[in-house]
Protein backbone atom coordinates (compact mmCIF):
# COMPACT_ATOMS: atom_id res chain seq x y z
CA MET A 1 0.11 -0.02 0.41
CA LYS A 2 1.25 3.66 -1.38
CA ARG A 3 0.27 7.00 0.53
CA GLU A 4 0.63 9.69 -2.11
CA SER A 5 2.10 12.80 -1.15
CA ALA A 6 -0.20 15.47 0.37
CA TRP A 7 1.48 18.10 -1.47
CA LYS A 8 -0.66 16.79 -5.14
CA LYS A 9 -3.76 17.37 -3.82
CA TYR A 10 -4.06 21.07 -2.22
CA THR A 11 -5.89 23.67 -4.24
CA ASP A 12 -5.11 27.25 -4.00
CA GLN A 13 -6.47 28.31 -0.84
CA GLU A 14 -5.35 25.49 0.62
CA LEU A 15 -1.76 26.26 0.34
CA ILE A 16 -2.64 29.98 1.33
CA THR A 17 -4.06 28.16 4.61
CA LEU A 18 -1.49 25.64 5.29
CA GLU A 19 1.40 28.26 4.83
CA LYS A 20 -0.79 30.86 7.77
CA LEU A 21 -0.76 28.05 9.87
CA ALA A 22 2.76 27.33 9.46
CA GLU A 23 3.61 30.89 10.07
CA ASP A 24 1.75 30.65 13.06
CA TYR A 25 3.61 27.36 14.02
CA LYS A 26 7.39 29.00 13.51
CA VAL A 27 6.77 32.21 15.58
CA PHE A 28 4.82 30.15 18.30
CA ILE A 29 7.93 27.66 18.68
CA SER A 30 10.25 30.16 18.04
CA ASN A 31 9.26 32.22 21.06
CA ASN A 32 8.02 29.28 23.34
CA LYS A 33 11.26 27.23 23.54
CA THR A 34 10.80 25.82 27.16
CA GLU A 35 7.85 24.23 28.83
CA ARG A 36 6.93 26.89 31.12
CA GLU A 37 6.87 29.19 28.02
CA CYS A 38 4.22 26.89 26.18
CA CYS A 39 2.05 26.28 29.25
CA ALA A 40 1.58 30.15 29.79
CA ALA A 41 1.59 30.67 25.51
CA ALA A 42 -1.40 28.14 25.86
CA ILE A 43 -3.22 29.65 28.34
CA ARG A 44 -3.32 33.02 26.58
CA LEU A 45 -4.58 31.62 23.30
CA ALA A 46 -6.80 29.56 25.53
CA GLU A 47 -8.37 32.82 27.14
CA LYS A 48 -8.67 35.04 23.93
CA ASN A 49 -10.62 32.11 22.67
CA GLY A 50 -12.94 32.41 25.80
CA TYR A 51 -11.66 29.82 28.10
CA VAL A 52 -11.65 30.39 31.72
CA SER A 53 -9.63 28.95 34.58
CA LEU A 54 -11.09 25.74 36.09
CA GLN A 55 -10.02 27.08 39.33
CA LYS A 56 -11.61 30.05 39.53
CA LEU A 57 -14.71 28.29 38.89
CA ILE A 58 -15.02 26.30 41.79
CA ASP A 59 -13.56 29.11 43.65
CA GLU A 60 -16.89 30.52 42.60
CA GLY A 61 -18.87 27.21 43.11
CA LYS A 62 -20.25 27.80 39.48
CA LYS A 63 -21.38 24.48 36.92
CA LEU A 64 -19.94 23.54 34.09
CA THR A 65 -22.97 23.37 31.59
CA GLU A 66 -22.79 22.22 27.37
CA GLY A 67 -20.55 24.67 25.14
CA SER A 68 -17.97 25.22 28.63
CA LYS A 69 -14.83 25.71 27.95
CA VAL A 70 -11.67 25.41 30.60
CA TRP A 71 -7.91 25.28 31.50
CA ALA A 72 -6.52 24.04 33.83
CA THR A 73 -2.39 24.18 35.11
CA SER A 74 0.00 22.38 37.06
CA GLN A 75 3.12 23.45 38.08
CA ASN A 76 2.84 25.90 35.03
CA LYS A 77 4.50 23.23 32.91
CA ALA A 78 1.17 21.20 31.82
CA VAL A 79 -2.17 22.05 30.72
CA ILE A 80 -5.43 20.69 30.26
CA LEU A 81 -8.08 22.33 28.02
CA ALA A 82 -11.49 21.15 27.98
CA HIS A 83 -14.92 21.72 25.60
CA ILE A 84 -17.82 20.42 27.72
CA GLY A 85 -19.96 18.23 24.94
CA THR A 86 -24.29 17.18 24.74
CA THR A 87 -23.00 13.76 25.65
CA PRO A 88 -22.32 12.82 29.72
CA MET A 89 -18.65 12.79 29.97
CA GLU A 90 -19.85 9.55 31.32
CA ALA A 91 -19.58 7.88 27.82
CA GLY A 92 -16.62 9.12 27.42
CA VAL A 93 -14.48 12.06 26.01
CA ASN A 94 -11.91 12.50 23.01
CA ILE A 95 -8.58 13.32 23.74
CA LEU A 96 -5.85 14.92 22.31
CA GLY A 97 -2.57 14.34 24.33
CA ALA A 98 1.06 15.75 23.29
CA HIS A 99 3.68 16.63 25.90
CA ILE A 100 5.70 20.25 25.88
CA ASP A 101 9.21 19.36 26.94
CA SER A 102 12.15 18.83 24.67
CA PRO A 103 15.70 17.33 25.11
CA ARG A 104 17.94 20.54 26.24
CA LEU A 105 20.97 21.36 28.43
CA ASP A 106 19.75 22.30 32.43
CA LEU A 107 21.79 24.31 34.32
CA LYS A 108 22.93 23.41 37.90
CA GLN A 109 21.86 24.45 40.90
CA ASN A 110 25.53 25.37 41.75
CA PRO A 111 26.64 26.17 38.26
CA LEU A 112 28.60 29.31 38.06
CA TYR A 113 32.84 29.13 38.19
CA GLU A 114 35.75 30.31 36.35
CA LYS A 115 38.51 28.08 34.90
CA ASP A 116 41.69 29.81 32.82
CA GLY A 117 40.05 32.97 32.36
CA PHE A 118 36.75 31.94 31.69
CA THR A 119 33.33 32.30 33.24
CA LEU A 120 31.62 28.61 32.37
CA LEU A 121 28.03 27.33 34.02
CA ASP A 122 27.78 23.56 34.11
CA THR A 123 24.73 21.74 33.38
CA HIS A 124 23.16 18.21 33.20
CA TYR A 125 21.84 17.61 29.95
CA TYR A 126 18.03 16.40 29.92
CA GLY A 127 16.67 13.93 27.49
CA GLY A 128 18.32 12.07 25.17
CA ILE A 129 20.50 13.65 22.95
CA LYS A 130 24.02 13.59 21.12
CA ASN A 131 26.52 15.48 22.94
CA TYR A 132 28.43 16.21 20.54
CA GLN A 133 25.78 18.11 18.58
CA TRP A 134 25.61 20.94 21.72
CA VAL A 135 29.11 22.11 20.93
CA ALA A 136 29.59 25.34 19.08
CA LEU A 137 26.22 26.52 18.41
CA PRO A 138 25.00 29.45 19.60
CA LEU A 139 22.73 29.03 22.45
CA ALA A 140 20.46 30.68 24.63
CA LEU A 141 19.27 31.24 28.00
CA HIS A 142 15.58 30.27 29.08
CA GLY A 143 14.16 30.22 32.12
CA VAL A 144 13.14 31.37 35.52
CA VAL A 145 14.72 32.59 39.37
CA ALA A 146 12.42 32.34 42.08
CA LYS A 147 13.53 34.74 44.72
CA LYS A 148 13.39 34.41 48.63
CA ASP A 149 10.79 37.02 48.42
CA GLY A 150 8.34 35.62 46.57
CA THR A 151 8.74 37.00 43.04
CA THR A 152 9.91 35.26 40.22
CA ILE A 153 12.39 36.51 37.61
CA ASP A 154 11.64 35.23 33.84
CA ILE A 155 14.78 34.75 32.03
CA VAL A 156 15.44 34.73 28.42
CA ILE A 157 19.03 35.75 27.21
CA GLY A 158 20.06 35.46 23.24
CA GLU A 159 16.98 35.54 21.69
CA ASP A 160 16.96 38.96 20.61
CA ASP A 161 19.23 40.38 18.12
CA SER A 162 21.17 42.93 20.78
CA ASP A 163 21.72 40.09 23.15
CA PRO A 164 24.80 37.73 23.65
CA VAL A 165 24.56 34.49 22.67
CA PHE A 166 26.39 31.75 24.72
CA CYS A 167 28.09 27.96 23.66
CA VAL A 168 29.99 24.47 24.57
CA SER A 169 33.04 25.00 23.18
CA ASP A 170 34.78 22.48 20.87
CA LEU A 171 38.42 20.67 20.41
CA LEU A 172 40.33 21.80 17.53
CA PRO A 173 40.96 19.12 14.69
CA HIS A 174 44.51 19.86 14.87
CA LEU A 175 44.35 18.71 18.23
CA GLY A 176 41.56 15.89 17.72
CA ALA A 177 42.91 12.66 16.93
CA LYS A 178 42.68 11.22 20.52
CA GLN A 179 38.99 12.91 20.57
CA LEU A 180 38.15 11.48 17.05
CA ASP A 181 38.74 7.78 17.49
CA LYS A 182 36.38 7.32 20.72
CA LYS A 183 33.09 6.28 20.21
CA GLY A 184 29.89 9.01 19.44
CA ARG A 185 28.67 8.52 22.58
CA GLU A 186 32.08 9.79 24.30
CA VAL A 187 33.39 12.45 21.95
CA VAL A 188 32.03 14.94 24.09
CA GLU A 189 31.47 13.66 27.72
CA GLY A 190 28.06 15.19 30.48
CA GLU A 191 30.32 16.64 32.10
CA ASP A 192 32.11 18.51 29.65
CA LEU A 193 28.92 20.38 28.06
CA ASP A 194 29.48 23.51 30.14
CA ILE A 195 28.39 27.02 28.96
CA LEU A 196 30.45 29.74 28.18
CA VAL A 197 29.20 33.02 29.65
CA GLY A 198 32.39 35.38 30.35
CA ASN A 199 36.21 36.16 29.60
CA ARG A 200 36.55 40.03 31.10
CA PHE A 201 37.78 40.82 34.22
CA ALA A 202 36.12 43.63 36.65
CA ALA A 203 38.21 46.46 37.64
CA GLU A 204 40.48 45.68 40.81
CA GLU A 205 38.36 47.23 43.15
CA GLU A 206 35.28 45.69 41.69
CA ALA A 207 36.65 42.66 41.60
CA GLU A 208 37.19 42.99 45.34
CA GLU A 209 33.84 43.67 46.28
CA GLU A 210 32.22 41.26 44.12
CA ASN A 211 34.32 38.76 45.44
CA SER A 212 33.79 38.97 49.16
CA LYS A 213 30.12 39.20 48.83
CA ASN A 214 29.80 35.92 46.48
CA ALA A 215 32.92 34.27 45.91
CA GLU A 216 35.11 32.43 48.23
CA ASP A 217 37.95 32.91 45.91
CA ALA A 218 39.47 36.52 45.79
CA SER A 219 40.90 35.68 42.57
CA GLU A 220 38.14 34.84 40.77
CA ALA A 221 37.92 37.72 38.95
CA VAL A 222 36.17 37.06 35.90
CA LYS A 223 33.19 35.16 37.93
CA ALA A 224 33.18 38.19 39.44
CA PHE A 225 32.59 40.69 36.58
CA THR A 226 29.60 37.99 35.13
CA LEU A 227 28.43 38.58 38.61
CA LYS A 228 28.29 41.89 38.76
CA LEU A 229 26.41 42.11 35.30
CA LEU A 230 23.53 39.86 36.77
CA GLU A 231 22.79 41.43 39.63
CA GLU A 232 22.70 45.04 37.67
CA LYS A 233 21.02 43.87 34.84
CA TYR A 234 18.56 40.95 36.10
CA GLY A 235 18.56 41.39 39.71
CA ILE A 236 20.21 38.06 40.34
CA THR A 237 23.04 36.87 42.72
CA GLU A 238 24.79 33.75 43.09
CA GLN A 239 22.49 31.95 45.91
CA ASP A 240 19.59 32.96 43.18
CA PHE A 241 20.56 29.94 41.39
CA LEU A 242 19.48 27.46 43.72
CA SER A 243 16.15 28.21 43.32
CA ALA A 244 16.46 28.52 39.42
CA GLU A 245 15.07 26.82 36.66
CA ILE A 246 17.73 27.97 33.42
CA GLU A 247 16.93 26.13 30.43
CA VAL A 248 20.27 26.30 27.37
CA VAL A 249 18.65 25.74 23.73
CA PRO A 250 19.39 26.45 20.89
CA ALA A 251 19.15 30.29 20.25
CA GLY A 252 17.30 31.78 16.86
CA LYS A 253 14.24 31.55 15.14
CA ALA A 254 12.53 28.45 13.15
CA ARG A 255 13.24 29.46 9.54
CA ASP A 256 11.39 28.08 6.51
CA LEU A 257 14.16 24.62 4.84
CA GLY A 258 14.47 23.81 1.36
CA PHE A 259 14.30 25.99 -2.51
CA ASP A 260 10.57 25.46 -2.24
CA ARG A 261 10.15 26.80 0.93
CA SER A 262 8.06 23.00 1.92
CA MET A 263 9.73 22.43 5.40
CA VAL A 264 10.36 24.03 8.87
CA LEU A 265 13.19 23.82 10.51
CA GLY A 266 13.69 24.82 14.12
CA TYR A 267 14.20 23.66 17.72
CA GLY A 268 11.79 21.54 20.14
CA GLN A 269 9.65 19.88 16.75
CA ASP A 270 9.20 16.99 18.98
CA ASP A 271 7.34 17.68 20.66
CA ARG A 272 5.68 21.04 19.59
CA VAL A 273 4.85 20.33 16.73
CA CYS A 274 1.91 17.97 17.80
CA ALA A 275 1.42 20.07 20.51
CA TYR A 276 0.49 23.41 18.75
CA THR A 277 -1.54 21.35 16.07
CA SER A 278 -3.47 19.77 19.08
CA LEU A 279 -4.10 23.15 21.00
CA VAL A 280 -5.25 25.09 17.61
CA ALA A 281 -7.38 21.89 16.80
CA GLN A 282 -8.79 22.15 20.14
CA LEU A 283 -9.53 26.11 19.62
CA ALA A 284 -10.71 25.61 16.06
CA LEU A 285 -13.83 23.64 18.19
CA ALA A 286 -14.46 27.71 18.83
CA ASP A 287 -18.31 27.84 20.03
CA SER A 288 -19.77 24.91 18.22
CA THR A 289 -21.85 22.42 19.33
CA ILE A 290 -19.69 18.94 19.64
CA GLU A 291 -20.96 15.48 20.98
CA LYS A 292 -18.31 14.61 23.05
CA THR A 293 -16.38 16.68 25.17
CA ALA A 294 -13.39 17.33 23.63
CA ILE A 295 -10.23 17.44 25.81
CA CYS A 296 -6.35 18.77 24.79
CA VAL A 297 -3.61 17.60 27.38
CA LEU A 298 -0.07 19.45 26.98
CA VAL A 299 2.27 17.53 29.56
CA ASP A 300 6.16 18.11 30.57
CA LYS A 301 8.61 15.45 31.59
CA GLU A 302 7.80 13.15 28.37
CA GLU A 303 11.84 12.74 27.28
CA ILE A 304 12.61 11.75 31.02
CA GLY A 305 9.87 9.33 31.37
CA SER A 306 6.63 11.23 31.80
CA VAL A 307 7.46 11.83 35.87
CA GLY A 308 7.14 14.29 38.44
CA ALA A 309 4.03 16.56 39.53
CA SER A 310 3.77 17.76 35.65
CA GLY A 311 4.40 14.86 33.62
CA MET A 312 1.26 11.93 32.50
CA GLU A 313 2.73 9.59 35.27
CA SER A 314 1.05 12.05 37.85
CA LEU A 315 -2.44 12.52 39.24
CA PHE A 316 -2.53 16.33 37.18
CA PHE A 317 -5.60 14.47 34.35
CA GLU A 318 -7.02 12.17 36.24
CA ASN A 319 -7.99 14.41 39.05
CA THR A 320 -8.25 17.57 36.33
CA ILE A 321 -10.89 15.16 34.77
CA ALA A 322 -12.82 14.48 38.25
CA GLU A 323 -13.03 18.18 38.64
CA ILE A 324 -14.44 19.30 35.67
CA MET A 325 -17.45 15.85 35.76
CA GLU A 326 -17.71 17.44 39.10
CA LEU A 327 -18.71 20.49 38.10
CA ALA A 328 -20.31 18.98 35.57
CA GLY A 329 -22.63 17.73 37.62
CA GLU A 330 -21.44 13.72 36.96
CA GLY A 331 -19.20 13.81 40.18
CA GLY A 332 -17.95 10.24 41.90
CA MET A 333 -15.86 7.81 41.34
CA VAL A 334 -18.03 5.16 39.75
CA LYS A 335 -18.58 8.21 36.97
CA LEU A 336 -14.98 9.11 36.65
CA ARG A 337 -13.79 5.19 35.95
CA ARG A 338 -16.47 5.05 33.61
CA ALA A 339 -15.50 8.42 31.71
CA LEU A 340 -11.75 7.55 31.66
CA SER A 341 -12.34 3.90 30.60
CA ALA A 342 -14.58 4.84 27.72
CA SER A 343 -12.72 8.05 26.34
CA SER A 344 -10.62 7.86 22.99
CA MET A 345 -7.02 9.85 23.03
CA LEU A 346 -4.70 10.35 20.15
CA SER A 347 -1.36 10.24 21.98
CA SER A 348 0.46 13.00 19.80
CA ASP A 349 4.13 12.67 19.38
CA VAL A 350 6.62 12.70 16.85
CA SER A 351 7.53 9.48 14.39
CA ALA A 352 10.51 9.18 13.10
CA GLY A 353 10.49 10.33 9.34
CA VAL A 354 12.52 8.33 6.73
CA ASP A 355 16.22 10.31 6.31
CA PRO A 356 17.99 8.96 2.38
CA ALA A 357 20.90 9.65 4.16
CA TYR A 358 20.40 6.89 7.02
CA GLY A 359 17.76 4.58 5.04
CA SER A 360 19.26 1.16 6.21
CA VAL A 361 17.83 1.70 10.00
CA PHE A 362 13.94 2.47 7.96
CA GLU A 363 11.83 -0.51 6.77
CA ALA A 364 10.54 1.04 3.49
CA LYS A 365 6.72 0.05 3.59
CA ASN A 366 6.30 0.37 7.37
CA SER A 367 8.17 3.68 7.76
CA ALA A 368 7.11 7.49 7.91
CA TYR A 369 7.62 9.84 5.25
CA LEU A 370 7.71 13.76 5.29
CA GLY A 371 5.33 15.21 2.86
CA LYS A 372 2.87 12.03 3.13
CA GLY A 373 0.53 13.58 6.19
CA LEU A 374 -0.32 12.00 9.79
CA VAL A 375 1.56 9.31 10.95
CA PHE A 376 -0.47 6.79 13.04
CA ASN A 377 1.99 3.87 15.01
CA LYS A 378 -0.25 1.14 16.32
CA TYR A 379 2.61 0.89 18.39
CA THR A 380 6.02 1.56 19.40
CA GLY A 381 8.22 0.50 21.56
CA ALA A 382 11.91 -1.31 21.23
CA ARG A 383 12.94 -5.10 21.23
CA GLY A 384 9.42 -7.00 21.00
CA LYS A 385 7.28 -3.87 21.28
CA SER A 386 8.65 -3.37 24.42
CA GLY A 387 7.20 -0.37 26.30
CA SER A 388 4.61 0.12 23.31
CA ASN A 389 0.30 0.23 23.72
CA ASP A 390 -0.56 -1.40 21.21
CA ALA A 391 -3.58 -0.18 19.75
CA ARG A 392 -6.45 -2.67 18.81
CA ALA A 393 -7.55 -3.26 15.50
CA GLU A 394 -11.35 -1.70 16.21
CA TYR A 395 -9.85 1.56 17.26
CA MET A 396 -7.31 1.70 13.91
CA ALA A 397 -10.53 0.78 11.65
CA ARG A 398 -12.74 4.00 13.51
CA ILE A 399 -9.79 6.26 13.66
CA ARG A 400 -9.45 5.29 9.41
CA ARG A 401 -13.27 6.26 9.21
CA VAL A 402 -12.64 9.35 10.89
CA MET A 403 -9.52 10.64 8.68
CA ASP A 404 -10.97 9.24 5.40
CA ASP A 405 -14.31 11.26 6.13
CA ALA A 406 -12.39 14.30 6.43
CA ASP A 407 -9.96 13.67 3.62
CA VAL A 408 -7.12 14.00 5.96
CA ALA A 409 -3.94 12.68 4.55
CA PHE A 410 -2.22 10.20 6.51
CA GLN A 411 -0.02 7.40 7.21
CA THR A 412 1.05 4.53 9.28
CA ALA A 413 4.65 3.42 10.69
CA GLU A 414 6.89 1.87 12.91
CA LEU A 415 10.28 3.39 14.74
CA GLY A 416 12.65 2.11 12.05
CA ARG A 417 13.17 -1.63 11.54
CA VAL A 418 13.25 -4.31 13.96
CA ASP A 419 15.55 -4.31 16.02
CA ALA A 420 17.18 -0.91 15.10
CA GLY A 421 16.15 0.73 18.33
CA GLY A 422 12.73 1.90 19.20
CA GLY A 423 11.38 4.53 21.58
CA GLY A 424 7.95 5.50 23.54
CA THR A 425 5.26 8.11 24.21
CA ILE A 426 2.37 8.48 27.07
CA ALA A 427 0.12 6.41 25.25
CA PHE A 428 1.03 3.72 28.15
CA ILE A 429 -0.23 5.47 30.62
CA PRO A 430 -3.44 6.44 29.74
CA ALA A 431 -4.19 3.28 28.28
CA ARG A 432 -4.26 1.72 31.52
CA TYR A 433 -7.75 3.00 32.52
CA GLY A 434 -9.02 0.77 29.77
CA MET A 435 -9.63 3.67 27.44
CA ASP A 436 -9.01 3.66 23.34
CA VAL A 437 -4.99 5.28 22.58
CA ILE A 438 -3.35 5.49 19.75
CA ASP A 439 0.07 7.17 18.91
CA SER A 440 -0.12 9.72 15.75
CA GLY A 441 1.94 12.87 14.91
CA VAL A 442 4.21 14.66 12.40
CA ALA A 443 7.44 12.51 11.00
CA VAL A 444 10.32 14.20 11.83
CA LEU A 445 14.07 14.35 10.21
CA SER A 446 17.12 15.07 13.25
CA MET A 447 14.80 13.93 15.81
CA HIS A 448 16.38 14.93 19.20
CA SER A 449 19.12 17.14 17.27
CA PRO A 450 19.07 20.69 18.24
CA TRP A 451 17.54 21.97 15.26
CA GLU A 452 14.56 19.65 14.03
CA ALA A 453 13.11 19.46 10.79
CA THR A 454 8.89 18.19 9.70
CA SER A 455 7.17 19.06 6.29
CA LYS A 456 4.76 21.75 6.31
CA ALA A 457 1.83 19.31 4.54
CA ASP A 458 2.32 17.29 7.53
CA ILE A 459 1.68 19.71 9.80
CA TYR A 460 -1.25 20.90 7.95
CA GLU A 461 -3.04 17.85 7.94
CA ALA A 462 -2.00 17.42 11.54
CA ARG A 463 -3.97 20.40 12.32
CA ARG A 464 -7.06 18.88 10.16
CA GLY A 465 -6.54 15.12 11.38
CA TYR A 466 -6.90 16.61 15.04
CA GLU A 467 -10.15 18.42 14.88
CA ALA A 468 -11.43 15.87 12.54
CA PHE A 469 -10.74 13.22 15.81
CA LEU A 470 -12.12 15.55 18.54
CA ARG A 471 -15.21 16.29 16.32
CA ASN A 472 -16.02 13.00 15.24
CA ALA A 473 -13.98 10.05 17.51
């Protein structure tokens, strides 16, 4: 079975709509490179489209009725949107789930140090990365610093043209013979992924003053000057790093890729390409009457096992559904369990697109291709489907019907050749409730690299497919 390129079917008007979506998407992922930023942006868009805070309704003792639209957040890193339908939630809801965290470098709690005339920030990588890809690359800092007085300082440095950028230095090839003999995972060690942030010495009197406040070693004049700048410009002291969450990400905006501008090159498309299209599909329901309640879940921590209070393994999802059902007059544990069991979900995460440079790790007829539409993975996992959710055939048939009825271009795929590797998503977690779940998403090239590539056609088909699912699954 061959799937045609989605590009072949578009009218001139559809191409205009596709390009508009791609432009909006590039702006979103360029401006929102952390889970906190994505969460805040999603809430802003939701409120602009008539969604109200679930917590506010709870506090005011208000009820939810058909057509009500609410949002809830956990830790400012995960968000759930719900649009109430005409059918009781006990009969099941339609859910889009995606994650908004991406591989990156995180600053350690005690990161700042001076060595050989440089000031550096010590990092710990987050998620599955190839360490060597992060060297000699312009990097930006995004995150928050929580002060003891309860205030929070937002940090974004390296994105504006007037900002400095940062980098991890690399070894010159002239001296890199031994380095190049190492295995790929050892070429750059995790502890060597430290960020260059300064090289200038403070004036002697400034250094003495700053060292007396912040540094143990009075000779750390470069570090002292860096600390002086941090305090003057951002109000941050060295002690404030103890209560900071600062992420190191590639600096720069998402761009069109290719002479034909058919693709997008940008950071964090795993999984913000699915998160954004899920969000836009949810908001596209607008004020229309829908049969089943529509839910969009955007969570954190997928790249490290979906753990923590903002990950899918937490009770955030279940608790929020329980609160929504309570306000909708369907409270009670039995009704909640029935609702979760009867629900349908698309676990929206990216799939590995066939790369002509690395064709040997793909099985051609069961792989995803850029430009051929939304991808469905009946199962993921590795080594005998280990760790996967294997969707049942009946559910796959229902998904086929929904997509075909909406004329959505889609394809099916596995994650590479058998025994070549593998991976997973959040699908197996909600599947524990007994609900139908299948992996779906957009094919990506260079997944988990600092800059990933997607097809605009696939972004467009994902957006269309997700809305069709929410309305008709």
